[in-house]
Every structure is written in structure tokens, then in C-alpha cells.
N, C-alpha and C. Protein backbone atom coordinates (compact mmCIF):
# COMPACT_ATOMS: atom_id res chain seq x y z
N MET A 1 85.92 38.19 87.98
CA MET A 1 86.24 36.89 88.56
C MET A 1 86.03 36.94 90.07
N SER A 2 85.44 35.89 90.60
CA SER A 2 85.22 35.82 92.04
C SER A 2 86.52 35.59 92.78
N GLY A 3 86.49 35.92 94.09
CA GLY A 3 87.68 35.69 94.89
C GLY A 3 87.79 34.28 95.42
N GLU A 4 86.89 33.42 95.00
CA GLU A 4 86.91 32.05 95.48
C GLU A 4 88.15 31.33 94.99
N ALA A 5 88.61 30.35 95.76
CA ALA A 5 89.75 29.54 95.37
C ALA A 5 89.35 28.62 94.22
N LYS A 6 90.32 28.25 93.45
CA LYS A 6 90.09 27.35 92.32
C LYS A 6 89.77 25.95 92.84
N ILE A 7 88.79 25.30 92.22
CA ILE A 7 88.43 23.93 92.58
C ILE A 7 88.51 23.07 91.32
N SER A 8 88.35 21.77 91.52
CA SER A 8 88.35 20.87 90.37
C SER A 8 86.99 20.94 89.68
N PRO A 9 86.95 21.31 88.39
CA PRO A 9 85.66 21.40 87.69
C PRO A 9 85.04 20.03 87.42
N HIS A 10 85.75 18.97 87.76
CA HIS A 10 85.24 17.61 87.54
C HIS A 10 84.74 16.97 88.84
N SER A 11 84.82 17.69 89.95
CA SER A 11 84.39 17.16 91.24
C SER A 11 83.02 17.71 91.59
N LEU A 12 81.98 16.87 91.50
CA LEU A 12 80.63 17.31 91.82
C LEU A 12 80.50 17.79 93.27
N PRO A 13 81.10 17.09 94.26
CA PRO A 13 81.00 17.60 95.64
C PRO A 13 81.60 18.99 95.79
N ASP A 14 82.74 19.25 95.14
CA ASP A 14 83.36 20.57 95.23
C ASP A 14 82.49 21.64 94.56
N LEU A 15 81.94 21.31 93.40
CA LEU A 15 81.06 22.24 92.69
C LEU A 15 79.83 22.57 93.52
N LYS A 16 79.24 21.54 94.11
CA LYS A 16 78.03 21.75 94.92
C LYS A 16 78.33 22.53 96.19
N ASN A 17 79.38 22.14 96.91
CA ASN A 17 79.69 22.81 98.17
C ASN A 17 80.04 24.28 97.96
N THR A 18 80.79 24.57 96.92
CA THR A 18 81.14 25.96 96.62
C THR A 18 79.89 26.77 96.28
N THR A 19 79.00 26.17 95.50
CA THR A 19 77.76 26.86 95.14
C THR A 19 76.87 27.05 96.36
N ASP A 20 76.78 26.03 97.21
CA ASP A 20 75.98 26.15 98.44
C ASP A 20 76.48 27.30 99.31
N ASP A 21 77.80 27.39 99.47
CA ASP A 21 78.38 28.47 100.28
C ASP A 21 78.05 29.83 99.67
N ALA A 22 78.14 29.92 98.35
CA ALA A 22 77.85 31.18 97.68
C ALA A 22 76.38 31.56 97.83
N LEU A 23 75.50 30.56 97.81
CA LEU A 23 74.07 30.83 97.95
C LEU A 23 73.77 31.45 99.32
N GLY A 24 74.33 30.86 100.38
CA GLY A 24 74.11 31.40 101.71
C GLY A 24 74.65 32.81 101.85
N ASN A 25 75.85 33.04 101.33
CA ASN A 25 76.46 34.37 101.40
C ASN A 25 75.62 35.40 100.64
N TYR A 26 75.10 34.99 99.50
CA TYR A 26 74.30 35.88 98.66
C TYR A 26 73.02 36.30 99.39
N LEU A 27 72.30 35.34 99.95
CA LEU A 27 71.04 35.66 100.62
C LEU A 27 71.26 36.46 101.90
N ARG A 28 72.32 36.15 102.63
CA ARG A 28 72.63 36.97 103.80
C ARG A 28 72.99 38.40 103.39
N GLY A 29 73.64 38.52 102.24
CA GLY A 29 73.96 39.85 101.72
C GLY A 29 72.73 40.63 101.31
N LEU A 30 71.63 39.93 101.01
CA LEU A 30 70.36 40.58 100.67
C LEU A 30 69.50 40.81 101.91
N ASN A 31 70.09 40.61 103.08
CA ASN A 31 69.43 40.86 104.38
C ASN A 31 68.31 39.87 104.69
N PHE A 32 68.42 38.65 104.18
CA PHE A 32 67.55 37.59 104.66
C PHE A 32 68.02 37.21 106.07
N GLN A 33 67.09 37.13 107.00
CA GLN A 33 67.42 36.76 108.37
C GLN A 33 67.48 35.24 108.47
N GLN A 34 68.68 34.70 108.61
CA GLN A 34 68.86 33.26 108.58
C GLN A 34 68.32 32.58 109.84
N ASP A 35 67.67 31.45 109.63
CA ASP A 35 67.17 30.63 110.73
C ASP A 35 68.10 29.42 110.86
N ASN A 36 68.83 29.35 111.96
CA ASN A 36 69.81 28.27 112.16
C ASN A 36 69.30 27.16 113.07
N SER A 37 68.00 27.09 113.31
CA SER A 37 67.48 26.13 114.29
C SER A 37 67.78 24.68 113.88
N LYS A 38 67.64 24.36 112.61
CA LYS A 38 67.91 22.99 112.18
C LYS A 38 69.40 22.66 112.28
N LEU A 39 70.23 23.62 111.90
CA LEU A 39 71.68 23.43 112.01
C LEU A 39 72.09 23.28 113.47
N ASP A 40 71.51 24.08 114.35
CA ASP A 40 71.84 24.01 115.77
C ASP A 40 71.46 22.65 116.35
N THR A 41 70.32 22.11 115.92
CA THR A 41 69.90 20.79 116.40
C THR A 41 70.88 19.71 115.95
N ARG A 42 71.30 19.78 114.69
CA ARG A 42 72.27 18.81 114.18
C ARG A 42 73.59 18.89 114.95
N LEU A 43 74.05 20.10 115.19
CA LEU A 43 75.29 20.27 115.93
C LEU A 43 75.17 19.77 117.36
N ALA A 44 74.02 19.99 117.98
CA ALA A 44 73.81 19.53 119.35
C ALA A 44 73.88 18.01 119.43
N ILE A 45 73.25 17.33 118.46
CA ILE A 45 73.29 15.87 118.44
C ILE A 45 74.72 15.38 118.24
N GLY A 46 75.43 16.01 117.30
CA GLY A 46 76.81 15.59 117.02
C GLY A 46 77.73 15.81 118.21
N TYR A 47 77.65 16.97 118.83
CA TYR A 47 78.53 17.26 119.97
C TYR A 47 78.22 16.37 121.17
N THR A 48 76.94 16.06 121.36
CA THR A 48 76.57 15.17 122.47
C THR A 48 77.17 13.79 122.27
N SER A 49 77.15 13.31 121.04
CA SER A 49 77.75 12.00 120.74
C SER A 49 79.25 12.01 121.03
N VAL A 50 79.92 13.09 120.65
CA VAL A 50 81.36 13.20 120.89
C VAL A 50 81.65 13.25 122.39
N LEU A 51 80.85 13.98 123.14
CA LEU A 51 81.06 14.09 124.58
C LEU A 51 80.88 12.75 125.28
N ILE A 52 79.89 11.97 124.84
CA ILE A 52 79.66 10.65 125.43
C ILE A 52 80.87 9.75 125.16
N ALA A 53 81.36 9.76 123.92
CA ALA A 53 82.52 8.94 123.59
C ALA A 53 83.74 9.37 124.39
N ALA A 54 83.94 10.68 124.54
CA ALA A 54 85.10 11.18 125.28
C ALA A 54 85.01 10.83 126.76
N ALA A 55 83.81 10.97 127.35
CA ALA A 55 83.63 10.66 128.76
C ALA A 55 83.84 9.18 129.04
N THR A 56 83.40 8.35 128.11
CA THR A 56 83.58 6.90 128.27
C THR A 56 85.06 6.53 128.24
N PHE A 57 85.79 7.15 127.33
CA PHE A 57 87.22 6.89 127.22
C PHE A 57 87.96 7.31 128.49
N VAL A 58 87.66 8.52 128.99
CA VAL A 58 88.34 9.02 130.20
C VAL A 58 88.02 8.14 131.40
N ALA A 59 86.76 7.75 131.56
CA ALA A 59 86.37 6.91 132.70
C ALA A 59 87.07 5.56 132.64
N ASP A 60 87.12 4.97 131.47
CA ASP A 60 87.78 3.68 131.34
C ASP A 60 89.28 3.79 131.59
N TYR A 61 89.88 4.90 131.15
CA TYR A 61 91.32 5.10 131.33
C TYR A 61 91.68 5.28 132.80
N LYS A 62 90.84 6.01 133.54
CA LYS A 62 91.16 6.31 134.93
C LYS A 62 90.69 5.24 135.91
N LEU A 63 89.53 4.64 135.65
CA LEU A 63 88.94 3.71 136.62
C LEU A 63 89.09 2.24 136.23
N GLY A 64 89.36 1.99 134.96
CA GLY A 64 89.50 0.60 134.52
C GLY A 64 88.21 0.01 134.01
N TRP A 65 88.36 -1.08 133.26
CA TRP A 65 87.21 -1.72 132.62
C TRP A 65 86.18 -2.26 133.60
N GLU A 66 86.63 -2.93 134.63
CA GLU A 66 85.71 -3.57 135.57
C GLU A 66 84.80 -2.55 136.24
N ALA A 67 85.35 -1.39 136.55
CA ALA A 67 84.56 -0.38 137.26
C ALA A 67 83.60 0.37 136.35
N THR A 68 83.87 0.36 135.06
CA THR A 68 83.08 1.19 134.15
C THR A 68 82.31 0.41 133.09
N LYS A 69 82.41 -0.92 133.10
CA LYS A 69 81.80 -1.66 132.00
C LYS A 69 80.28 -1.48 131.92
N GLY A 70 79.62 -1.31 133.07
CA GLY A 70 78.17 -1.08 133.05
C GLY A 70 77.82 0.25 132.40
N TRP A 71 78.55 1.29 132.81
CA TRP A 71 78.33 2.60 132.23
C TRP A 71 78.75 2.64 130.76
N THR A 72 79.76 1.86 130.43
CA THR A 72 80.19 1.81 129.03
C THR A 72 79.09 1.22 128.14
N ALA A 73 78.42 0.21 128.64
CA ALA A 73 77.32 -0.39 127.88
C ALA A 73 76.20 0.62 127.64
N VAL A 74 75.89 1.38 128.71
CA VAL A 74 74.86 2.42 128.57
C VAL A 74 75.30 3.48 127.56
N ALA A 75 76.59 3.87 127.63
CA ALA A 75 77.11 4.89 126.73
C ALA A 75 77.07 4.42 125.28
N VAL A 76 77.37 3.15 125.05
CA VAL A 76 77.34 2.61 123.69
C VAL A 76 75.93 2.67 123.12
N VAL A 77 74.94 2.32 123.94
CA VAL A 77 73.54 2.37 123.50
C VAL A 77 73.14 3.81 123.18
N CYS A 78 73.48 4.74 124.07
CA CYS A 78 73.16 6.15 123.85
C CYS A 78 73.84 6.69 122.59
N TYR A 79 75.10 6.28 122.40
CA TYR A 79 75.84 6.73 121.23
C TYR A 79 75.18 6.23 119.95
N GLY A 80 74.74 4.98 119.96
CA GLY A 80 74.06 4.42 118.79
C GLY A 80 72.76 5.14 118.49
N ILE A 81 72.00 5.46 119.54
CA ILE A 81 70.73 6.17 119.36
C ILE A 81 70.98 7.56 118.78
N LEU A 82 71.98 8.24 119.33
CA LEU A 82 72.28 9.58 118.85
C LEU A 82 72.76 9.58 117.40
N ASN A 83 73.54 8.58 117.02
CA ASN A 83 73.99 8.49 115.64
C ASN A 83 72.84 8.20 114.69
N ALA A 84 71.90 7.37 115.13
CA ALA A 84 70.71 7.11 114.32
C ALA A 84 69.89 8.38 114.18
N ALA A 85 69.77 9.13 115.28
CA ALA A 85 69.03 10.40 115.23
C ALA A 85 69.72 11.40 114.31
N PHE A 86 71.05 11.41 114.34
CA PHE A 86 71.82 12.32 113.49
C PHE A 86 71.58 12.00 112.02
N THR A 87 71.62 10.72 111.69
CA THR A 87 71.40 10.30 110.30
C THR A 87 69.99 10.65 109.84
N TYR A 88 69.01 10.39 110.71
CA TYR A 88 67.63 10.73 110.36
C TYR A 88 67.47 12.24 110.15
N TRP A 89 68.09 13.02 111.03
CA TRP A 89 67.97 14.48 110.92
C TRP A 89 68.56 14.98 109.61
N MET A 90 69.70 14.41 109.24
CA MET A 90 70.37 14.84 108.00
C MET A 90 69.53 14.52 106.77
N TRP A 91 69.02 13.28 106.71
CA TRP A 91 68.35 12.82 105.50
C TRP A 91 66.83 12.94 105.54
N GLY A 92 66.25 12.96 106.74
CA GLY A 92 64.79 13.00 106.85
C GLY A 92 64.23 14.36 107.16
N VAL A 93 65.02 15.23 107.79
CA VAL A 93 64.54 16.56 108.17
C VAL A 93 65.18 17.65 107.32
N GLU A 94 66.51 17.73 107.34
CA GLU A 94 67.17 18.78 106.57
C GLU A 94 67.06 18.54 105.06
N LYS A 95 67.25 17.31 104.64
CA LYS A 95 67.08 16.94 103.22
C LYS A 95 67.86 17.86 102.28
N GLY A 96 69.13 18.06 102.56
CA GLY A 96 69.96 18.88 101.70
C GLY A 96 69.79 20.37 101.91
N LEU A 97 69.25 20.77 103.06
CA LEU A 97 69.00 22.18 103.34
C LEU A 97 70.29 22.99 103.25
N VAL A 98 70.24 24.08 102.50
CA VAL A 98 71.40 24.97 102.36
C VAL A 98 71.16 26.27 103.12
N PHE A 99 69.95 26.80 103.02
CA PHE A 99 69.63 28.07 103.67
C PHE A 99 68.16 28.09 104.04
N GLU A 100 67.90 28.69 105.20
CA GLU A 100 66.52 28.89 105.65
C GLU A 100 66.46 30.24 106.34
N GLY A 101 65.49 31.06 105.96
CA GLY A 101 65.43 32.38 106.57
C GLY A 101 64.16 33.12 106.22
N LYS A 102 64.11 34.40 106.65
CA LYS A 102 62.91 35.21 106.46
C LYS A 102 63.28 36.59 105.96
N LYS A 103 62.33 37.17 105.20
CA LYS A 103 62.46 38.56 104.76
C LYS A 103 61.11 39.05 104.28
N ASP A 104 60.71 40.22 104.74
CA ASP A 104 59.46 40.85 104.30
C ASP A 104 58.25 39.93 104.45
N GLY A 105 58.18 39.23 105.56
CA GLY A 105 57.02 38.39 105.83
C GLY A 105 56.99 37.07 105.09
N LYS A 106 58.08 36.72 104.43
CA LYS A 106 58.15 35.46 103.71
C LYS A 106 59.26 34.59 104.28
N HIS A 107 58.95 33.31 104.44
CA HIS A 107 59.94 32.33 104.90
C HIS A 107 60.41 31.54 103.69
N ILE A 108 61.73 31.48 103.50
CA ILE A 108 62.28 30.78 102.34
C ILE A 108 63.22 29.67 102.81
N SER A 109 63.11 28.53 102.17
CA SER A 109 63.95 27.38 102.47
C SER A 109 64.49 26.84 101.16
N LEU A 110 65.82 26.67 101.09
CA LEU A 110 66.45 26.19 99.86
C LEU A 110 67.27 24.95 100.14
N ALA A 111 67.01 23.89 99.40
CA ALA A 111 67.72 22.62 99.54
C ALA A 111 68.30 22.23 98.20
N SER A 112 69.55 21.79 98.19
CA SER A 112 70.22 21.47 96.93
C SER A 112 70.62 20.00 96.88
N LYS A 113 70.87 19.54 95.67
CA LYS A 113 71.36 18.18 95.48
C LYS A 113 72.00 18.07 94.11
N THR A 114 72.74 17.01 93.90
CA THR A 114 73.28 16.68 92.58
C THR A 114 72.96 15.22 92.29
N LYS A 115 73.09 14.84 91.04
CA LYS A 115 72.91 13.45 90.65
C LYS A 115 74.23 12.93 90.10
N LYS A 116 74.45 11.66 90.32
CA LYS A 116 75.71 11.04 89.94
C LYS A 116 76.00 11.22 88.45
N HIS A 117 77.23 11.65 88.16
CA HIS A 117 77.71 11.83 86.79
C HIS A 117 76.91 12.88 86.00
N GLU A 118 76.20 13.76 86.69
CA GLU A 118 75.44 14.81 86.01
C GLU A 118 75.84 16.17 86.60
N PRO A 119 76.59 16.99 85.86
CA PRO A 119 77.08 18.27 86.39
C PRO A 119 76.00 19.35 86.41
N THR A 120 74.93 19.07 87.14
CA THR A 120 73.78 19.98 87.21
C THR A 120 73.46 20.27 88.68
N TYR A 121 73.13 21.51 88.95
CA TYR A 121 72.76 21.94 90.30
C TYR A 121 71.24 21.94 90.40
N PHE A 122 70.70 21.10 91.28
CA PHE A 122 69.26 21.02 91.50
C PHE A 122 68.94 21.75 92.80
N LEU A 123 67.99 22.66 92.73
CA LEU A 123 67.65 23.49 93.88
C LEU A 123 66.14 23.51 94.09
N ALA A 124 65.71 23.10 95.30
CA ALA A 124 64.30 23.15 95.67
C ALA A 124 64.08 24.38 96.55
N VAL A 125 63.25 25.30 96.07
CA VAL A 125 62.97 26.54 96.80
C VAL A 125 61.54 26.51 97.31
N THR A 126 61.39 26.54 98.63
CA THR A 126 60.07 26.54 99.25
C THR A 126 59.84 27.88 99.93
N VAL A 127 58.78 28.57 99.51
CA VAL A 127 58.47 29.89 100.06
C VAL A 127 57.11 29.83 100.75
N THR A 128 57.06 30.32 101.98
CA THR A 128 55.81 30.37 102.74
C THR A 128 55.52 31.81 103.10
N ASP A 129 54.39 32.32 102.62
CA ASP A 129 53.98 33.68 102.94
C ASP A 129 53.27 33.66 104.29
N SER A 130 53.67 34.55 105.18
CA SER A 130 53.07 34.59 106.52
C SER A 130 51.58 34.90 106.46
N ALA A 131 51.13 35.56 105.39
CA ALA A 131 49.72 35.92 105.28
C ALA A 131 48.85 34.71 105.00
N THR A 132 49.35 33.78 104.18
CA THR A 132 48.57 32.59 103.82
C THR A 132 49.03 31.33 104.54
N ASN A 133 50.30 31.34 104.97
CA ASN A 133 50.90 30.18 105.65
C ASN A 133 50.84 28.93 104.79
N THR A 134 50.89 29.11 103.48
CA THR A 134 50.85 27.99 102.54
C THR A 134 52.19 27.90 101.80
N PRO A 135 52.93 26.81 101.98
CA PRO A 135 54.23 26.69 101.31
C PRO A 135 54.07 26.45 99.81
N VAL A 136 54.90 27.11 99.03
CA VAL A 136 54.91 26.94 97.57
C VAL A 136 56.29 26.46 97.18
N LEU A 137 56.35 25.30 96.54
CA LEU A 137 57.62 24.70 96.13
C LEU A 137 57.89 24.97 94.67
N LYS A 138 59.14 25.37 94.38
CA LYS A 138 59.58 25.55 93.00
C LYS A 138 60.92 24.84 92.85
N GLU A 139 61.02 23.97 91.87
CA GLU A 139 62.24 23.21 91.65
C GLU A 139 63.00 23.79 90.45
N LEU A 140 64.25 24.13 90.71
CA LEU A 140 65.10 24.76 89.70
C LEU A 140 66.28 23.86 89.37
N GLN A 141 66.87 24.09 88.24
CA GLN A 141 68.10 23.38 87.89
C GLN A 141 68.88 24.17 86.85
N ALA A 142 70.19 24.06 86.92
CA ALA A 142 71.06 24.72 85.95
C ALA A 142 72.39 24.00 85.95
N PRO A 143 73.07 23.93 84.81
CA PRO A 143 74.40 23.31 84.77
C PRO A 143 75.40 24.16 85.54
N PHE A 144 76.37 23.50 86.17
CA PHE A 144 77.38 24.22 86.92
C PHE A 144 78.21 25.15 86.03
N THR A 145 78.28 24.83 84.74
CA THR A 145 79.03 25.68 83.81
C THR A 145 78.40 27.05 83.64
N THR A 146 77.19 27.24 84.18
CA THR A 146 76.56 28.55 84.14
C THR A 146 77.35 29.57 84.95
N TRP A 147 77.96 29.11 86.05
CA TRP A 147 78.70 30.06 86.91
C TRP A 147 80.10 29.59 87.29
N PHE A 148 80.56 28.49 86.71
CA PHE A 148 81.94 28.06 86.91
C PHE A 148 82.69 28.17 85.58
N THR A 149 83.92 28.68 85.65
CA THR A 149 84.75 28.72 84.46
C THR A 149 85.28 27.31 84.18
N ALA A 150 85.81 27.13 82.99
CA ALA A 150 86.30 25.81 82.58
C ALA A 150 87.46 25.33 83.45
N ASP A 151 88.20 26.27 84.07
CA ASP A 151 89.32 25.86 84.90
C ASP A 151 88.99 25.86 86.39
N GLY A 152 87.70 25.97 86.74
CA GLY A 152 87.28 25.73 88.12
C GLY A 152 87.13 26.94 89.02
N TYR A 153 86.91 28.13 88.46
CA TYR A 153 86.69 29.33 89.27
C TYR A 153 85.20 29.67 89.29
N PHE A 154 84.71 29.99 90.48
CA PHE A 154 83.31 30.39 90.63
C PHE A 154 83.16 31.87 90.29
N VAL A 155 82.12 32.18 89.48
CA VAL A 155 81.81 33.56 89.12
C VAL A 155 80.45 33.91 89.71
N ALA A 156 80.41 34.88 90.59
CA ALA A 156 79.20 35.16 91.38
C ALA A 156 78.06 35.73 90.55
N LYS A 157 78.37 36.64 89.62
CA LYS A 157 77.32 37.39 88.93
C LYS A 157 76.31 36.50 88.20
N PRO A 158 76.73 35.56 87.34
CA PRO A 158 75.73 34.73 86.66
C PRO A 158 74.93 33.86 87.61
N PHE A 159 75.55 33.44 88.72
CA PHE A 159 74.80 32.66 89.70
C PHE A 159 73.71 33.51 90.34
N GLN A 160 74.04 34.72 90.72
CA GLN A 160 73.06 35.61 91.33
C GLN A 160 71.95 35.96 90.36
N GLN A 161 72.29 36.17 89.09
CA GLN A 161 71.28 36.46 88.08
C GLN A 161 70.32 35.28 87.89
N TRP A 162 70.89 34.08 87.87
CA TRP A 162 70.06 32.89 87.70
C TRP A 162 69.09 32.75 88.86
N LEU A 163 69.58 32.89 90.09
CA LEU A 163 68.73 32.69 91.26
C LEU A 163 67.70 33.81 91.39
N ALA A 164 68.11 35.06 91.15
CA ALA A 164 67.18 36.19 91.27
C ALA A 164 66.08 36.13 90.22
N THR A 165 66.40 35.58 89.05
CA THR A 165 65.40 35.46 87.99
C THR A 165 64.50 34.25 88.21
N SER A 166 65.05 33.18 88.74
CA SER A 166 64.29 31.95 88.90
C SER A 166 63.36 31.97 90.10
N SER A 167 63.73 32.71 91.16
CA SER A 167 62.91 32.78 92.37
C SER A 167 62.38 34.19 92.53
N GLU A 168 61.06 34.32 92.57
CA GLU A 168 60.45 35.64 92.71
C GLU A 168 60.82 36.29 94.04
N THR A 169 60.92 35.48 95.09
CA THR A 169 61.26 36.03 96.41
C THR A 169 62.66 36.62 96.42
N VAL A 170 63.61 35.90 95.82
CA VAL A 170 64.97 36.43 95.73
C VAL A 170 65.02 37.62 94.78
N GLY A 171 64.27 37.54 93.68
CA GLY A 171 64.24 38.63 92.72
C GLY A 171 63.69 39.92 93.32
N ASP A 172 62.69 39.78 94.20
CA ASP A 172 62.15 40.96 94.87
C ASP A 172 63.20 41.62 95.77
N ALA A 173 64.07 40.80 96.35
CA ALA A 173 65.12 41.33 97.22
C ALA A 173 66.30 41.86 96.42
N ASP A 174 66.44 41.42 95.17
CA ASP A 174 67.56 41.85 94.32
C ASP A 174 67.04 42.15 92.92
N PRO A 175 66.21 43.19 92.78
CA PRO A 175 65.60 43.47 91.46
C PRO A 175 66.61 43.82 90.38
N LYS A 176 67.76 44.32 90.76
CA LYS A 176 68.76 44.69 89.76
C LYS A 176 69.21 43.48 88.95
N ASN A 177 69.55 42.40 89.64
CA ASN A 177 69.96 41.18 88.94
C ASN A 177 68.80 40.54 88.22
N ALA A 178 67.61 40.54 88.82
CA ALA A 178 66.46 39.91 88.19
C ALA A 178 66.05 40.66 86.93
N SER A 179 65.92 41.99 87.02
CA SER A 179 65.46 42.76 85.87
C SER A 179 66.45 42.74 84.72
N ARG A 180 67.73 42.69 85.05
CA ARG A 180 68.75 42.67 84.00
C ARG A 180 68.62 41.43 83.13
N VAL A 181 68.43 40.29 83.77
CA VAL A 181 68.33 39.06 82.99
C VAL A 181 67.04 39.03 82.20
N GLU A 182 65.93 39.48 82.82
CA GLU A 182 64.65 39.46 82.12
C GLU A 182 64.67 40.42 80.93
N ARG A 183 65.30 41.56 81.08
CA ARG A 183 65.33 42.54 80.00
C ARG A 183 66.13 42.04 78.81
N ASP A 184 67.24 41.39 79.13
CA ASP A 184 68.12 40.91 78.05
C ASP A 184 67.68 39.56 77.50
N GLN A 185 66.73 38.92 78.17
CA GLN A 185 66.24 37.61 77.73
C GLN A 185 67.35 36.57 77.63
N LEU A 186 68.38 36.75 78.41
CA LEU A 186 69.52 35.84 78.43
C LEU A 186 70.23 35.77 77.07
N ALA A 187 70.02 36.79 76.22
CA ALA A 187 70.58 36.73 74.88
C ALA A 187 72.00 37.27 74.80
N ALA A 188 72.35 38.19 75.67
CA ALA A 188 73.67 38.79 75.61
C ALA A 188 74.39 38.55 76.93
N PRO A 189 75.28 37.57 76.98
CA PRO A 189 75.94 37.24 78.24
C PRO A 189 76.89 38.34 78.69
N SER A 190 76.97 38.50 80.01
CA SER A 190 77.95 39.42 80.57
C SER A 190 79.34 38.83 80.37
N PRO A 191 80.41 39.62 80.54
CA PRO A 191 81.77 39.07 80.39
C PRO A 191 82.02 37.87 81.27
N GLU A 192 81.42 37.89 82.49
CA GLU A 192 81.62 36.75 83.39
C GLU A 192 80.99 35.49 82.83
N VAL A 193 79.76 35.63 82.32
CA VAL A 193 79.07 34.46 81.76
C VAL A 193 79.81 33.96 80.54
N GLU A 194 80.34 34.87 79.73
CA GLU A 194 81.08 34.48 78.54
C GLU A 194 82.30 33.66 78.93
N ALA A 195 82.92 34.05 80.06
CA ALA A 195 84.08 33.30 80.53
C ALA A 195 83.68 31.91 80.97
N VAL A 196 82.51 31.80 81.59
CA VAL A 196 82.02 30.49 82.02
C VAL A 196 81.71 29.62 80.81
N ALA A 197 81.15 30.24 79.77
CA ALA A 197 80.75 29.47 78.60
C ALA A 197 81.95 28.93 77.85
N GLY A 198 83.14 29.51 78.09
CA GLY A 198 84.33 29.01 77.43
C GLY A 198 84.43 29.50 75.99
N THR A 199 84.91 28.66 75.14
CA THR A 199 85.14 29.05 73.74
C THR A 199 84.13 28.47 72.79
N ALA A 200 83.01 27.99 73.32
CA ALA A 200 82.03 27.33 72.45
C ALA A 200 81.47 28.29 71.42
N GLY A 201 81.23 29.56 71.80
CA GLY A 201 80.75 30.55 70.85
C GLY A 201 79.32 30.36 70.43
N ASP A 202 78.56 29.57 71.19
CA ASP A 202 77.17 29.31 70.80
C ASP A 202 76.20 30.14 71.61
N GLY A 203 76.64 31.21 72.25
CA GLY A 203 75.73 32.04 73.03
C GLY A 203 75.80 31.68 74.49
N PRO A 204 74.96 32.27 75.30
CA PRO A 204 75.01 32.08 76.75
C PRO A 204 74.52 30.71 77.15
N PRO A 205 74.96 30.21 78.30
CA PRO A 205 74.47 28.92 78.78
C PRO A 205 73.01 29.01 79.17
N ALA A 206 72.33 27.88 79.10
CA ALA A 206 70.90 27.86 79.41
C ALA A 206 70.69 27.95 80.90
N PHE A 207 69.72 28.78 81.30
CA PHE A 207 69.32 28.87 82.70
C PHE A 207 68.07 28.00 82.83
N ALA A 208 68.25 26.77 83.32
CA ALA A 208 67.14 25.83 83.30
C ALA A 208 66.32 25.95 84.56
N GLU A 209 65.00 25.91 84.44
CA GLU A 209 64.12 25.82 85.59
C GLU A 209 62.86 25.08 85.16
N THR A 210 62.21 24.46 86.12
CA THR A 210 61.09 23.61 85.77
C THR A 210 59.88 24.40 85.32
N SER A 211 59.80 25.69 85.72
CA SER A 211 58.62 26.45 85.37
C SER A 211 58.60 26.81 83.89
N GLY A 212 59.81 26.97 83.29
CA GLY A 212 59.88 27.30 81.87
C GLY A 212 59.31 28.65 81.54
N ALA A 213 59.34 29.61 82.49
CA ALA A 213 58.70 30.90 82.29
C ALA A 213 59.36 31.72 81.20
N SER A 214 60.67 31.56 81.03
CA SER A 214 61.37 32.42 80.08
C SER A 214 61.16 32.02 78.63
N SER A 215 60.74 30.78 78.39
CA SER A 215 60.62 30.31 77.01
C SER A 215 59.54 31.04 76.26
N GLY A 216 58.45 31.38 76.95
CA GLY A 216 57.36 32.06 76.29
C GLY A 216 57.76 33.43 75.82
N LYS A 217 58.56 34.15 76.63
CA LYS A 217 59.01 35.48 76.26
C LYS A 217 59.92 35.41 75.04
N GLY A 218 60.73 34.39 74.98
CA GLY A 218 61.63 34.24 73.86
C GLY A 218 60.88 34.04 72.55
N SER A 219 59.76 33.30 72.59
CA SER A 219 59.01 33.03 71.37
C SER A 219 58.38 34.30 70.84
N LYS A 220 57.93 35.20 71.77
CA LYS A 220 57.35 36.45 71.32
C LYS A 220 58.39 37.30 70.61
N ARG A 221 59.60 37.34 71.14
CA ARG A 221 60.66 38.10 70.52
C ARG A 221 60.94 37.57 69.12
N SER A 222 60.93 36.21 68.96
CA SER A 222 61.19 35.62 67.65
C SER A 222 60.13 36.07 66.65
N LYS A 223 58.86 36.16 67.09
CA LYS A 223 57.80 36.54 66.18
C LYS A 223 57.98 37.99 65.73
N ARG A 224 58.40 38.86 66.69
CA ARG A 224 58.59 40.25 66.33
C ARG A 224 59.71 40.41 65.29
N LYS A 225 60.79 39.61 65.47
CA LYS A 225 61.88 39.67 64.49
C LYS A 225 61.43 39.19 63.13
N GLY A 226 60.63 38.17 63.14
CA GLY A 226 60.16 37.64 61.86
C GLY A 226 59.23 38.62 61.18
């Protein structure tokens, strides 16, 4: 069981935020060098807006409205521009960015999202190799029940296995988790995954990804059994 605090398993924002935090911690633990430039820009815009509002309040309090109304008008315009820039940066540039960093000559960017009333984690992984400088996008998805227990506890191991198996770049940095899942073909869940699956008894939860790479391996195994 992870050391994370219990959250509501019915709250999509809580499920997403907890998973996002775990993703960043996991990649930093694999020695990915995080790039905080986009986050720093967002913080700079936000803090500048707060400083303008604070300065306007102090000036008006000490000097009075008549002496500061011209500067207040300028401050209001600047504040509006900065807030528009902040909104654009969040939705037009970061686009749900959770982690951005580099390792072994590869730049990786991961952005997550959820859809209303759908307990699924959607993750867009963009990898750019410094040798080719060509970004490759891979879109992944998996139900939150893959790594959350029924009572709202996050379990790190199945999440790490899912990500290491779904992304070649992460798998290269963590071959132990990637090879374990590939070898077992997701057929025998670990105790942690079994806890996440609850009492359904129908086997391990599905690790969904758009590439569908694991399905082909499963069909070969079925043929051998037959």
C-alpha cells in the first residue's frame, strides 16, 4: 500500500491530481531531469498579477482615490492583460502538462486529462529524440481502478508498471517494471493490483493504450494453449 493519504474514489479531480503527483515523483525517481520553464513562466505571470493588485491597493489606501485613479486605471488594464495571458498559457501552451524533462538524449512531455463522468486517466506522451528532433506522440489511457483501491488509496506499483510498459522511454529507464508486465502478459496481478481490482475476481484490470501492442502477444499465447 502506498503512503498516500486516502482520497474520495468518486472525485475525478482528486484521482487525477493524485495520479499527476505520482507521475512526477516516479519520473524524477528515474533520474529524468525536469524542465520547469513552462511552470516558471506561469508562476511569473501569476505573481506579477498579484503584485500589481497589491500595489494598487496600498497606493489607494495611502494616497487616496483622487491621487491614484490614473494609475489604478493603468493597473486594471495590465491586470486584465496578465490574466488573459495566464489563461492562454494554461490552456493553449501547457495543455494539461504534468511533467517535462530529459534523459539519455530524449525529451519527454506528459500531459493528462479526464472526461466528465468517466473514471479514466488519459495521458498524452510526446517524446523527441535529440538525434532526429522529431516529436512522436503516443496517447494512453487506463481506468483509475488500475492503481486506486476501492476505498481511495493510491498503489504505486501497478501505476509504474502501466506507464513503464506503455511508454518505451519510461520502460527503458525502468526495465524492471516494464519487463515484469510484458513477461506476465498482465495475466497474474500482483497483490497490489489484486487489491485495486477489489472482489470482482475476474482477473487483472485492463491496461488500456491506443497502440494496442499487448493484444497481439495475448493472441499468440492463446494459440499455443490451444
